[in-house]
């Protein structure tokens, strides 16, 4: 069921332009990739934060494809509607284990940005990459819920205030 939350991306072609709105000219919003209905203007006014982390220095060296996929989430944020200059990549935790946030300055910075109300969306390759510790993960989810910040990964966009999304994210 997670795929039901994934955002579809459609480009306007000459064929779809004729059928997108019969009798009307295509608008700018129909020519851009569609975004999740969960993403509202208030989210787009905030930052889209891409959190990049690999667990060890060896993984940083050996798993460059994973690293590239994580950095590519910045382009995904733009496709979802964020302006490029409103996308922040936090990658200072490269080579740091996710077991605890104590030694992860990037994770602390992420929490601070959310708490200050600066963030509309937190993106990670997988939500599990954000925090391996249940305590840190639940803290992030609660802070995001409190400040109306969405979470997103390769499977979709999640609203931590939505009961179904909370279940998908592992909360009851």
N, C-alpha and C. Protein backbone atom coordinates (compact mmCIF):
# COMPACT_ATOMS: atom_id res chain seq x y z
N UNK A 1 0.80 -1.19 0.00
CA UNK A 1 0.00 0.00 0.00
C UNK A 1 0.85 1.25 0.00
N UNK A 2 2.13 1.13 0.28
CA UNK A 2 2.97 2.33 0.32
C UNK A 2 2.99 3.02 -1.02
N UNK A 3 2.88 2.24 -2.11
CA UNK A 3 2.95 2.87 -3.43
C UNK A 3 1.79 3.83 -3.66
N UNK A 4 0.69 3.70 -2.91
CA UNK A 4 -0.41 4.63 -3.08
C UNK A 4 -0.03 6.04 -2.66
N UNK A 5 1.05 6.16 -1.90
CA UNK A 5 1.49 7.49 -1.46
C UNK A 5 2.58 8.05 -2.35
N UNK A 6 3.05 7.27 -3.31
CA UNK A 6 4.11 7.73 -4.20
C UNK A 6 3.54 8.80 -5.12
N UNK A 7 4.36 9.75 -5.48
CA UNK A 7 3.90 10.80 -6.35
C UNK A 7 4.16 10.39 -7.79
N UNK A 8 3.19 10.67 -8.62
CA UNK A 8 3.34 10.39 -10.04
C UNK A 8 3.92 11.62 -10.71
N UNK A 9 4.79 11.39 -11.65
CA UNK A 9 5.37 12.51 -12.38
C UNK A 9 4.95 12.39 -13.84
N UNK A 10 4.23 13.40 -14.34
CA UNK A 10 3.76 13.40 -15.71
C UNK A 10 4.23 14.67 -16.38
N UNK A 11 4.72 14.54 -17.56
CA UNK A 11 5.15 15.71 -18.32
C UNK A 11 4.08 16.02 -19.37
N UNK A 12 3.92 17.28 -19.66
CA UNK A 12 2.97 17.70 -20.65
C UNK A 12 3.57 17.48 -22.03
N UNK A 13 2.89 16.73 -22.84
CA UNK A 13 3.32 16.49 -24.22
C UNK A 13 2.26 17.08 -25.13
N UNK A 14 2.52 17.18 -26.43
CA UNK A 14 1.48 17.69 -27.32
C UNK A 14 0.19 16.87 -27.22
N UNK A 15 0.32 15.55 -27.03
CA UNK A 15 -0.86 14.71 -26.93
C UNK A 15 -1.63 14.99 -25.63
N UNK A 16 -0.92 15.09 -24.51
CA UNK A 16 -1.61 15.32 -23.24
C UNK A 16 -2.08 16.76 -23.13
N UNK A 17 -1.44 17.68 -23.83
CA UNK A 17 -1.87 19.07 -23.79
C UNK A 17 -3.28 19.19 -24.37
N UNK A 18 -3.58 18.38 -25.37
CA UNK A 18 -4.90 18.43 -25.98
C UNK A 18 -5.97 17.83 -25.07
N UNK A 19 -5.56 16.86 -24.23
CA UNK A 19 -6.55 16.19 -23.41
C UNK A 19 -6.51 16.60 -21.95
N UNK A 20 -5.49 17.36 -21.54
CA UNK A 20 -5.36 17.74 -20.14
C UNK A 20 -6.58 18.51 -19.65
N UNK A 21 -6.99 19.52 -20.38
CA UNK A 21 -8.16 20.32 -20.04
C UNK A 21 -8.88 20.63 -21.34
N UNK A 22 -9.80 19.79 -21.78
CA UNK A 22 -10.47 20.02 -23.06
C UNK A 22 -11.04 21.43 -23.13
N UNK A 23 -10.73 22.10 -24.22
CA UNK A 23 -11.25 23.44 -24.43
C UNK A 23 -10.47 24.54 -23.73
N UNK A 24 -9.45 24.17 -22.93
CA UNK A 24 -8.66 25.17 -22.22
C UNK A 24 -7.19 24.99 -22.56
N UNK A 25 -6.45 26.10 -22.42
CA UNK A 25 -5.01 26.03 -22.62
C UNK A 25 -4.37 25.39 -21.40
N UNK A 26 -3.30 24.59 -21.61
CA UNK A 26 -2.61 24.01 -20.45
C UNK A 26 -2.02 25.12 -19.61
N UNK A 27 -2.07 24.96 -18.31
CA UNK A 27 -1.49 25.94 -17.40
C UNK A 27 -0.10 25.49 -17.01
N UNK A 28 0.61 26.40 -16.32
CA UNK A 28 1.96 26.07 -15.86
C UNK A 28 1.93 24.86 -14.94
N UNK A 29 0.88 24.74 -14.12
CA UNK A 29 0.84 23.62 -13.18
C UNK A 29 0.64 22.29 -13.89
N UNK A 30 0.01 22.28 -15.08
CA UNK A 30 -0.14 21.03 -15.80
C UNK A 30 1.12 20.68 -16.57
N UNK A 31 2.02 21.64 -16.76
CA UNK A 31 3.23 21.36 -17.51
C UNK A 31 4.37 20.87 -16.62
N UNK A 32 4.20 21.00 -15.28
CA UNK A 32 5.21 20.52 -14.35
C UNK A 32 4.84 19.13 -13.87
N UNK A 33 5.81 18.38 -13.36
CA UNK A 33 5.45 17.10 -12.77
C UNK A 33 4.42 17.33 -11.66
N UNK A 34 3.46 16.40 -11.57
CA UNK A 34 2.46 16.57 -10.52
C UNK A 34 3.09 16.27 -9.17
N UNK A 35 2.53 16.87 -8.15
CA UNK A 35 3.07 16.66 -6.81
C UNK A 35 2.00 15.99 -5.96
N UNK A 36 2.45 15.43 -4.88
CA UNK A 36 1.54 14.79 -3.95
C UNK A 36 0.54 15.81 -3.44
N UNK A 37 -0.71 15.37 -3.26
CA UNK A 37 -1.73 16.25 -2.72
C UNK A 37 -1.43 16.67 -1.29
N UNK A 38 -0.51 16.00 -0.65
CA UNK A 38 -0.12 16.35 0.72
C UNK A 38 0.74 17.60 0.77
N UNK A 39 1.39 17.91 -0.34
CA UNK A 39 2.28 19.07 -0.38
C UNK A 39 1.44 20.31 -0.64
N UNK A 40 1.41 21.20 0.34
CA UNK A 40 0.64 22.44 0.23
C UNK A 40 1.62 23.61 0.07
N UNK A 41 1.07 24.76 -0.27
CA UNK A 41 1.91 25.94 -0.45
C UNK A 41 2.75 26.24 0.79
N UNK A 42 2.17 26.04 1.98
CA UNK A 42 2.92 26.31 3.21
C UNK A 42 4.16 25.42 3.30
N UNK A 43 4.10 24.20 2.76
CA UNK A 43 5.27 23.33 2.76
C UNK A 43 6.33 23.85 1.79
N UNK A 44 5.86 24.30 0.61
CA UNK A 44 6.78 24.81 -0.41
C UNK A 44 7.46 26.10 0.03
N UNK A 45 6.85 26.82 0.95
CA UNK A 45 7.47 28.04 1.47
C UNK A 45 8.66 27.72 2.37
N UNK A 46 8.66 26.53 2.95
CA UNK A 46 9.78 26.10 3.79
C UNK A 46 10.84 25.42 2.94
N UNK A 47 11.88 25.00 3.60
CA UNK A 47 12.95 24.28 2.92
C UNK A 47 12.56 22.83 2.68
N UNK A 48 13.11 22.26 1.64
CA UNK A 48 13.11 20.81 1.47
C UNK A 48 14.51 20.38 1.90
N UNK A 49 14.61 19.60 2.96
CA UNK A 49 15.90 19.20 3.48
C UNK A 49 16.17 17.75 3.09
N UNK A 50 17.27 17.54 2.39
CA UNK A 50 17.70 16.19 2.02
C UNK A 50 18.77 15.78 3.02
N UNK A 51 18.49 14.69 3.73
CA UNK A 51 19.45 14.20 4.73
C UNK A 51 20.20 13.02 4.12
N UNK A 52 21.52 13.17 4.00
CA UNK A 52 22.38 12.16 3.39
C UNK A 52 23.28 11.57 4.47
N UNK A 53 23.25 10.23 4.58
CA UNK A 53 24.10 9.57 5.57
C UNK A 53 24.40 8.15 5.13
N UNK A 54 25.64 7.75 5.35
CA UNK A 54 26.05 6.35 5.25
C UNK A 54 26.74 6.01 6.55
N UNK A 55 26.62 4.76 6.97
CA UNK A 55 26.95 4.37 8.34
C UNK A 55 28.42 4.30 8.70
N UNK A 56 29.28 4.17 7.73
CA UNK A 56 30.70 4.05 8.05
C UNK A 56 31.53 4.69 6.94
N UNK A 57 32.77 5.07 7.26
CA UNK A 57 33.64 5.61 6.21
C UNK A 57 33.84 4.62 5.07
N UNK A 58 33.86 3.33 5.39
CA UNK A 58 34.02 2.31 4.35
C UNK A 58 32.82 2.29 3.41
N UNK A 59 31.61 2.45 3.96
CA UNK A 59 30.42 2.51 3.11
C UNK A 59 30.45 3.72 2.20
N UNK A 60 30.96 4.82 2.70
CA UNK A 60 31.06 6.02 1.87
C UNK A 60 31.93 5.73 0.65
N UNK A 61 33.00 4.98 0.85
CA UNK A 61 33.90 4.63 -0.26
C UNK A 61 33.32 3.55 -1.16
N UNK A 62 32.71 2.53 -0.55
CA UNK A 62 32.28 1.35 -1.31
C UNK A 62 30.90 1.48 -1.95
N UNK A 63 30.05 2.33 -1.43
CA UNK A 63 28.67 2.40 -1.90
C UNK A 63 28.37 3.76 -2.51
N UNK A 64 29.11 4.10 -3.56
CA UNK A 64 28.95 5.41 -4.18
C UNK A 64 27.61 5.56 -4.89
N UNK A 65 27.02 4.44 -5.36
CA UNK A 65 25.71 4.52 -6.00
C UNK A 65 24.65 4.96 -5.00
N UNK A 66 24.72 4.42 -3.79
CA UNK A 66 23.78 4.81 -2.74
C UNK A 66 23.93 6.30 -2.42
N UNK A 67 25.17 6.73 -2.33
CA UNK A 67 25.42 8.15 -2.06
C UNK A 67 24.85 9.02 -3.17
N UNK A 68 25.06 8.62 -4.42
CA UNK A 68 24.55 9.39 -5.56
C UNK A 68 23.02 9.43 -5.54
N UNK A 69 22.38 8.32 -5.21
CA UNK A 69 20.92 8.28 -5.12
C UNK A 69 20.41 9.21 -4.02
N UNK A 70 21.15 9.30 -2.92
CA UNK A 70 20.74 10.19 -1.83
C UNK A 70 20.84 11.66 -2.26
N UNK A 71 21.95 12.01 -2.90
CA UNK A 71 22.11 13.39 -3.37
C UNK A 71 21.08 13.73 -4.46
N UNK A 72 20.66 12.74 -5.24
CA UNK A 72 19.67 12.97 -6.31
C UNK A 72 18.31 13.34 -5.75
N UNK A 73 18.10 13.11 -4.46
CA UNK A 73 16.83 13.52 -3.85
C UNK A 73 16.63 15.03 -3.91
N UNK A 74 17.71 15.78 -4.04
CA UNK A 74 17.59 17.24 -4.20
C UNK A 74 16.84 17.55 -5.50
N UNK A 75 17.13 16.81 -6.57
CA UNK A 75 16.41 16.99 -7.83
C UNK A 75 14.95 16.55 -7.68
N UNK A 76 14.73 15.51 -6.89
CA UNK A 76 13.36 15.05 -6.64
C UNK A 76 12.56 16.14 -5.93
N UNK A 77 13.18 16.83 -4.99
CA UNK A 77 12.50 17.93 -4.29
C UNK A 77 12.10 19.02 -5.28
N UNK A 78 12.96 19.32 -6.22
CA UNK A 78 12.64 20.32 -7.25
C UNK A 78 11.47 19.83 -8.09
N UNK A 79 11.48 18.54 -8.45
CA UNK A 79 10.38 17.98 -9.24
C UNK A 79 9.05 18.02 -8.47
N UNK A 80 9.14 17.98 -7.14
CA UNK A 80 7.93 18.05 -6.31
C UNK A 80 7.42 19.48 -6.15
N UNK A 81 8.21 20.47 -6.59
CA UNK A 81 7.74 21.85 -6.55
C UNK A 81 8.62 22.84 -5.82
N UNK A 82 9.68 22.38 -5.14
CA UNK A 82 10.55 23.31 -4.43
C UNK A 82 11.47 24.01 -5.41
N UNK A 83 11.73 25.27 -5.16
CA UNK A 83 12.74 25.98 -5.94
C UNK A 83 14.10 25.44 -5.54
N UNK A 84 15.01 25.41 -6.50
CA UNK A 84 16.33 24.83 -6.25
C UNK A 84 17.04 25.49 -5.06
N UNK A 85 16.86 26.80 -4.92
CA UNK A 85 17.54 27.49 -3.81
C UNK A 85 16.83 27.29 -2.47
N UNK A 86 15.72 26.54 -2.45
CA UNK A 86 15.01 26.21 -1.22
C UNK A 86 15.24 24.75 -0.82
N UNK A 87 16.22 24.12 -1.48
CA UNK A 87 16.59 22.73 -1.16
C UNK A 87 17.92 22.76 -0.42
N UNK A 88 17.93 22.21 0.78
CA UNK A 88 19.12 22.16 1.61
C UNK A 88 19.56 20.71 1.77
N UNK A 89 20.81 20.44 1.43
CA UNK A 89 21.37 19.10 1.62
C UNK A 89 22.21 19.11 2.88
N UNK A 90 21.86 18.23 3.82
CA UNK A 90 22.64 18.07 5.05
C UNK A 90 23.37 16.75 4.94
N UNK A 91 24.68 16.83 4.83
CA UNK A 91 25.47 15.60 4.62
C UNK A 91 26.68 15.49 5.54
N UNK A 92 26.66 16.23 6.64
CA UNK A 92 27.82 16.18 7.52
C UNK A 92 27.92 14.89 8.34
N UNK A 93 26.90 14.02 8.26
CA UNK A 93 26.95 12.76 9.02
C UNK A 93 27.44 11.58 8.17
N UNK A 94 28.05 11.87 7.04
CA UNK A 94 28.60 10.79 6.21
C UNK A 94 29.63 10.02 7.03
N UNK A 95 29.48 8.70 7.04
CA UNK A 95 30.41 7.86 7.79
C UNK A 95 30.08 7.72 9.26
N UNK A 96 28.90 8.23 9.67
CA UNK A 96 28.47 8.16 11.07
C UNK A 96 27.33 7.15 11.22
N UNK A 97 27.42 6.31 12.23
CA UNK A 97 26.36 5.36 12.52
C UNK A 97 25.09 6.10 12.92
N UNK A 98 23.93 5.52 12.58
CA UNK A 98 22.66 6.10 12.95
C UNK A 98 22.13 5.61 14.28
N UNK A 99 22.95 4.85 15.03
CA UNK A 99 22.48 4.29 16.30
C UNK A 99 22.07 5.34 17.31
N UNK A 100 22.73 6.48 17.29
CA UNK A 100 22.40 7.54 18.24
C UNK A 100 22.69 8.89 17.60
N UNK A 101 21.88 9.87 17.93
CA UNK A 101 22.07 11.21 17.39
C UNK A 101 23.14 11.99 18.13
N UNK A 102 23.64 11.44 19.23
CA UNK A 102 24.59 12.17 20.07
C UNK A 102 25.80 12.70 19.31
N UNK A 103 26.34 11.91 18.40
CA UNK A 103 27.55 12.31 17.68
C UNK A 103 27.26 12.76 16.24
N UNK A 104 25.99 12.98 15.91
CA UNK A 104 25.63 13.35 14.53
C UNK A 104 25.16 14.80 14.47
N UNK A 105 26.10 15.66 14.14
CA UNK A 105 25.79 17.08 14.06
C UNK A 105 24.77 17.39 12.96
N UNK A 106 24.80 16.63 11.86
CA UNK A 106 23.83 16.85 10.79
C UNK A 106 22.41 16.55 11.23
N UNK A 107 22.24 15.48 11.98
CA UNK A 107 20.90 15.13 12.49
C UNK A 107 20.42 16.21 13.47
N UNK A 108 21.33 16.69 14.31
CA UNK A 108 20.97 17.76 15.24
C UNK A 108 20.57 19.03 14.47
N UNK A 109 21.29 19.32 13.40
CA UNK A 109 20.98 20.48 12.57
C UNK A 109 19.60 20.31 11.91
N UNK A 110 19.32 19.10 11.44
CA UNK A 110 18.02 18.80 10.85
C UNK A 110 16.90 19.07 11.85
N UNK A 111 17.05 18.54 13.06
CA UNK A 111 16.05 18.76 14.10
C UNK A 111 15.89 20.25 14.42
N UNK A 112 17.00 20.96 14.48
CA UNK A 112 16.96 22.40 14.77
C UNK A 112 16.20 23.15 13.68
N UNK A 113 16.48 22.84 12.42
CA UNK A 113 15.80 23.53 11.31
C UNK A 113 14.30 23.26 11.35
N UNK A 114 13.91 22.00 11.64
CA UNK A 114 12.49 21.67 11.74
C UNK A 114 11.87 22.43 12.91
N UNK A 115 12.54 22.43 14.06
CA UNK A 115 12.04 23.08 15.26
C UNK A 115 11.90 24.59 15.08
N UNK A 116 12.74 25.18 14.27
CA UNK A 116 12.65 26.62 14.00
C UNK A 116 11.55 26.95 12.98
N UNK A 117 10.91 25.91 12.46
CA UNK A 117 9.83 26.13 11.50
C UNK A 117 10.30 26.45 10.10
N UNK A 118 11.55 26.10 9.79
CA UNK A 118 12.13 26.43 8.48
C UNK A 118 11.85 25.37 7.42
N UNK A 119 11.37 24.19 7.80
CA UNK A 119 11.35 23.04 6.89
C UNK A 119 9.92 22.63 6.53
N UNK A 120 9.69 22.44 5.24
CA UNK A 120 8.41 21.93 4.76
C UNK A 120 8.45 20.44 4.50
N UNK A 121 9.64 19.92 4.14
CA UNK A 121 9.79 18.50 3.79
C UNK A 121 11.18 18.01 4.16
N UNK A 122 11.24 16.85 4.79
CA UNK A 122 12.50 16.16 5.06
C UNK A 122 12.53 14.95 4.13
N UNK A 123 13.56 14.87 3.31
CA UNK A 123 13.71 13.75 2.37
C UNK A 123 14.91 12.90 2.74
N UNK A 124 14.72 11.60 2.68
CA UNK A 124 15.81 10.65 2.86
C UNK A 124 15.57 9.49 1.92
N UNK A 125 16.62 8.79 1.53
CA UNK A 125 16.47 7.67 0.60
C UNK A 125 15.49 6.65 1.16
N UNK A 126 15.63 6.36 2.44
CA UNK A 126 14.68 5.53 3.18
C UNK A 126 14.52 6.21 4.53
N UNK A 127 13.33 6.16 5.05
CA UNK A 127 13.12 6.79 6.35
C UNK A 127 14.04 6.18 7.41
N UNK A 128 14.38 4.91 7.26
CA UNK A 128 15.26 4.27 8.25
C UNK A 128 16.67 4.85 8.23
N UNK A 129 17.06 5.55 7.17
CA UNK A 129 18.39 6.17 7.10
C UNK A 129 18.48 7.37 8.04
N UNK A 130 17.34 7.95 8.37
CA UNK A 130 17.36 9.15 9.20
C UNK A 130 17.82 8.85 10.62
N UNK A 131 17.32 7.76 11.18
CA UNK A 131 17.69 7.42 12.55
C UNK A 131 17.48 5.93 12.77
N UNK A 132 18.48 5.25 13.27
CA UNK A 132 18.36 3.83 13.58
C UNK A 132 17.84 3.61 15.00
N UNK A 133 17.99 4.60 15.82
CA UNK A 133 17.51 4.53 17.20
C UNK A 133 16.02 4.87 17.23
N UNK A 134 15.22 4.01 17.87
CA UNK A 134 13.78 4.29 17.97
C UNK A 134 13.53 5.63 18.66
N UNK A 135 14.31 5.92 19.67
CA UNK A 135 14.15 7.19 20.41
C UNK A 135 14.36 8.38 19.48
N UNK A 136 15.43 8.37 18.70
CA UNK A 136 15.72 9.48 17.78
C UNK A 136 14.67 9.57 16.67
N UNK A 137 14.26 8.41 16.15
CA UNK A 137 13.26 8.35 15.08
C UNK A 137 11.92 8.92 15.57
N UNK A 138 11.46 8.47 16.74
CA UNK A 138 10.20 8.96 17.26
C UNK A 138 10.28 10.46 17.59
N UNK A 139 11.42 10.91 18.07
CA UNK A 139 11.61 12.33 18.35
C UNK A 139 11.47 13.14 17.06
N UNK A 140 12.12 12.68 16.00
CA UNK A 140 12.02 13.38 14.71
C UNK A 140 10.57 13.40 14.22
N UNK A 141 9.88 12.26 14.30
CA UNK A 141 8.50 12.22 13.84
C UNK A 141 7.60 13.16 14.64
N UNK A 142 7.79 13.18 15.94
CA UNK A 142 6.97 14.05 16.77
C UNK A 142 7.25 15.52 16.49
N UNK A 143 8.51 15.87 16.29
CA UNK A 143 8.86 17.26 15.97
C UNK A 143 8.28 17.65 14.61
N UNK A 144 8.39 16.75 13.64
CA UNK A 144 7.82 17.02 12.31
C UNK A 144 6.30 17.19 12.41
N UNK A 145 5.64 16.34 13.19
CA UNK A 145 4.20 16.46 13.36
C UNK A 145 3.83 17.79 14.02
N UNK A 146 4.55 18.16 15.04
CA UNK A 146 4.28 19.39 15.77
C UNK A 146 4.41 20.63 14.88
N UNK A 147 5.41 20.62 13.98
CA UNK A 147 5.67 21.80 13.14
C UNK A 147 5.10 21.67 11.73
N UNK A 148 4.32 20.60 11.48
CA UNK A 148 3.67 20.45 10.18
C UNK A 148 4.61 20.15 9.05
N UNK A 149 5.71 19.47 9.34
CA UNK A 149 6.72 19.13 8.34
C UNK A 149 6.44 17.74 7.77
N UNK A 150 6.45 17.63 6.45
CA UNK A 150 6.26 16.35 5.79
C UNK A 150 7.57 15.56 5.77
N UNK A 151 7.44 14.26 5.63
CA UNK A 151 8.60 13.37 5.45
C UNK A 151 8.44 12.69 4.10
N UNK A 152 9.56 12.42 3.45
CA UNK A 152 9.48 11.75 2.16
C UNK A 152 10.67 10.85 1.92
N UNK A 153 10.41 9.78 1.18
CA UNK A 153 11.48 8.88 0.76
C UNK A 153 11.17 8.41 -0.66
N UNK A 154 11.88 7.41 -1.12
CA UNK A 154 11.70 6.94 -2.48
C UNK A 154 10.32 6.31 -2.70
N UNK A 155 9.61 5.98 -1.63
CA UNK A 155 8.30 5.36 -1.74
C UNK A 155 7.15 6.35 -1.68
N UNK A 156 7.37 7.55 -1.18
CA UNK A 156 6.27 8.49 -1.12
C UNK A 156 6.49 9.65 -0.18
N UNK A 157 5.42 10.40 0.01
CA UNK A 157 5.39 11.56 0.90
C UNK A 157 4.46 11.21 2.06
N UNK A 158 4.89 11.53 3.27
CA UNK A 158 4.13 11.16 4.46
C UNK A 158 3.88 12.38 5.33
N UNK A 159 2.66 12.44 5.85
CA UNK A 159 2.30 13.49 6.79
C UNK A 159 2.25 12.86 8.17
N UNK A 160 3.15 13.22 9.07
CA UNK A 160 3.17 12.58 10.38
C UNK A 160 1.94 12.89 11.24
N UNK A 161 1.07 13.78 10.77
CA UNK A 161 -0.19 14.04 11.47
C UNK A 161 -1.33 13.18 10.93
N UNK A 162 -1.09 12.42 9.88
CA UNK A 162 -2.09 11.56 9.29
C UNK A 162 -1.96 10.15 9.89
N UNK A 163 -3.06 9.61 10.39
CA UNK A 163 -3.05 8.31 11.07
C UNK A 163 -2.48 7.21 10.18
N UNK A 164 -2.91 7.15 8.94
CA UNK A 164 -2.42 6.10 8.03
C UNK A 164 -0.93 6.25 7.75
N UNK A 165 -0.49 7.48 7.56
CA UNK A 165 0.94 7.70 7.32
C UNK A 165 1.77 7.34 8.55
N UNK A 166 1.25 7.64 9.73
CA UNK A 166 1.96 7.29 10.96
C UNK A 166 2.11 5.77 11.06
N UNK A 167 1.09 5.04 10.67
CA UNK A 167 1.18 3.58 10.67
C UNK A 167 2.24 3.11 9.70
N UNK A 168 2.25 3.71 8.51
CA UNK A 168 3.27 3.36 7.52
C UNK A 168 4.68 3.67 8.03
N UNK A 169 4.79 4.73 8.79
CA UNK A 169 6.09 5.14 9.32
C UNK A 169 6.46 4.39 10.60
N UNK A 170 5.57 3.54 11.09
CA UNK A 170 5.92 2.71 12.23
C UNK A 170 5.41 3.18 13.57
N UNK A 171 4.46 4.12 13.56
CA UNK A 171 3.88 4.60 14.82
C UNK A 171 2.43 4.18 14.92
N UNK A 172 1.94 4.05 16.14
CA UNK A 172 0.52 3.74 16.35
C UNK A 172 -0.19 4.94 16.94
